[in-house]
Amino acid sequence: PGGQRLLWDTEDVILSFDPGWERPAGGERLGLAFVCDSPAEVDALYAELTGAGYAGHLKPWDAVWGQRYAVVLDPDGCGVSLFAAAAPK
């Protein structure tokens, strides 16, 4: 509780939800991901960030692994993921 998690995705996993992804050639070797309290918060934060001028990379969607997920780009073009547990069906 209140800790941090570190996880690695394989290239196959990344390509499964971001088919245009390419192996980094420069400094982008680390991606940040922030947990949100709800799927609605993922949508709202994505809208807030893109409305403030940050580039949206992947619009919010319900991922097959059970999360609401979205990706925006930071000013350097690095992906910043937003996620929350998906709403129960």
Protein backbone atom coordinates (compact mmCIF):
# COMPACT_ATOMS: atom_id res chain seq x y z
CA PRO A 1 0.00 0.00 0.00
CA GLY A 2 1.31 3.40 -0.98
CA GLY A 3 4.37 1.80 -2.53
CA GLN A 4 5.70 1.77 -6.03
CA ARG A 5 5.58 -0.96 -8.64
CA LEU A 6 8.08 -1.60 -11.37
CA LEU A 7 7.24 -3.85 -14.28
CA TRP A 8 8.62 -4.67 -17.68
CA ASP A 9 6.57 -5.29 -20.80
CA THR A 10 7.87 -7.40 -23.65
CA GLU A 11 7.93 -5.88 -27.12
CA ASP A 12 5.11 -8.27 -28.10
CA VAL A 13 2.89 -6.95 -25.30
CA ILE A 14 3.51 -3.32 -26.28
CA LEU A 15 2.83 -4.07 -29.94
CA SER A 16 -0.44 -5.80 -29.00
CA PHE A 17 -1.98 -2.46 -27.96
CA ASP A 18 0.27 0.03 -29.80
CA PRO A 19 0.94 -1.44 -33.26
CA GLY A 20 2.88 1.65 -34.36
CA TRP A 21 5.40 1.35 -31.52
CA GLU A 22 9.05 1.20 -32.53
CA ARG A 23 12.04 0.24 -30.44
CA PRO A 24 13.56 3.44 -28.99
CA ALA A 25 16.67 4.64 -30.75
CA GLY A 26 17.40 7.57 -28.47
CA GLY A 27 16.79 8.43 -24.87
CA GLU A 28 13.23 7.10 -24.47
CA ARG A 29 13.93 3.91 -22.56
CA LEU A 30 11.58 4.39 -19.64
CA GLY A 31 7.83 4.84 -19.65
CA LEU A 32 5.86 6.26 -16.76
CA ALA A 33 2.43 4.96 -15.78
CA PHE A 34 0.11 6.57 -13.26
CA VAL A 35 -2.74 4.74 -11.56
CA CYS A 36 -6.05 6.62 -11.48
CA ASP A 37 -8.91 6.03 -9.06
CA SER A 38 -11.46 5.05 -11.71
CA PRO A 39 -12.01 4.60 -15.44
CA ALA A 40 -13.78 7.98 -15.45
CA GLU A 41 -10.66 9.60 -13.99
CA VAL A 42 -8.53 8.13 -16.81
CA ASP A 43 -10.91 9.72 -19.34
CA ALA A 44 -11.03 13.05 -17.49
CA LEU A 45 -7.27 13.29 -16.99
CA TYR A 46 -6.61 12.38 -20.63
CA ALA A 47 -9.07 15.12 -21.71
CA GLU A 48 -7.50 17.62 -19.31
CA LEU A 49 -3.95 16.92 -20.48
CA THR A 50 -4.75 16.92 -24.19
CA GLY A 51 -6.88 20.04 -23.67
CA ALA A 52 -3.84 21.72 -22.11
CA GLY A 53 -1.82 20.98 -25.24
CA TYR A 54 -0.12 17.67 -24.49
CA ALA A 55 -0.23 15.26 -27.41
CA GLY A 56 -2.53 12.29 -27.05
CA HIS A 57 -0.92 9.05 -28.22
CA LEU A 58 -3.59 6.44 -27.43
CA LYS A 59 -7.11 7.57 -26.54
CA PRO A 60 -8.71 5.89 -23.51
CA TRP A 61 -9.87 2.33 -24.16
CA ASP A 62 -10.83 -0.78 -22.20
CA ALA A 63 -7.75 -3.00 -22.44
CA VAL A 64 -8.09 -6.77 -22.62
CA TRP A 65 -6.07 -7.11 -19.40
CA GLY A 66 -8.85 -5.47 -17.36
CA GLN A 67 -7.84 -1.82 -17.21
CA ARG A 68 -9.03 1.48 -18.64
CA TYR A 69 -5.86 2.75 -20.32
CA ALA A 70 -4.63 5.83 -22.19
CA VAL A 71 -1.28 7.32 -23.20
CA VAL A 72 -0.24 10.95 -23.58
CA LEU A 73 3.17 12.23 -24.64
CA ASP A 74 5.34 14.41 -22.43
CA PRO A 75 7.12 17.46 -23.90
CA ASP A 76 10.04 15.21 -24.94
CA GLY A 77 7.73 12.81 -26.77
CA CYS A 78 7.95 10.06 -24.15
CA GLY A 79 4.79 8.07 -23.39
CA VAL A 80 3.03 8.61 -20.08
CA SER A 81 0.35 5.99 -19.37
CA LEU A 82 -2.81 6.56 -17.35
CA PHE A 83 -4.70 3.52 -16.07
CA ALA A 84 -7.34 2.28 -13.67
CA ALA A 85 -9.08 -1.01 -13.00
CA ALA A 86 -11.84 -1.41 -15.60
CA ALA A 87 -15.43 -0.92 -14.54
CA PRO A 88 -17.17 -4.19 -13.67
CA LYS A 89 -19.35 -5.53 -16.48
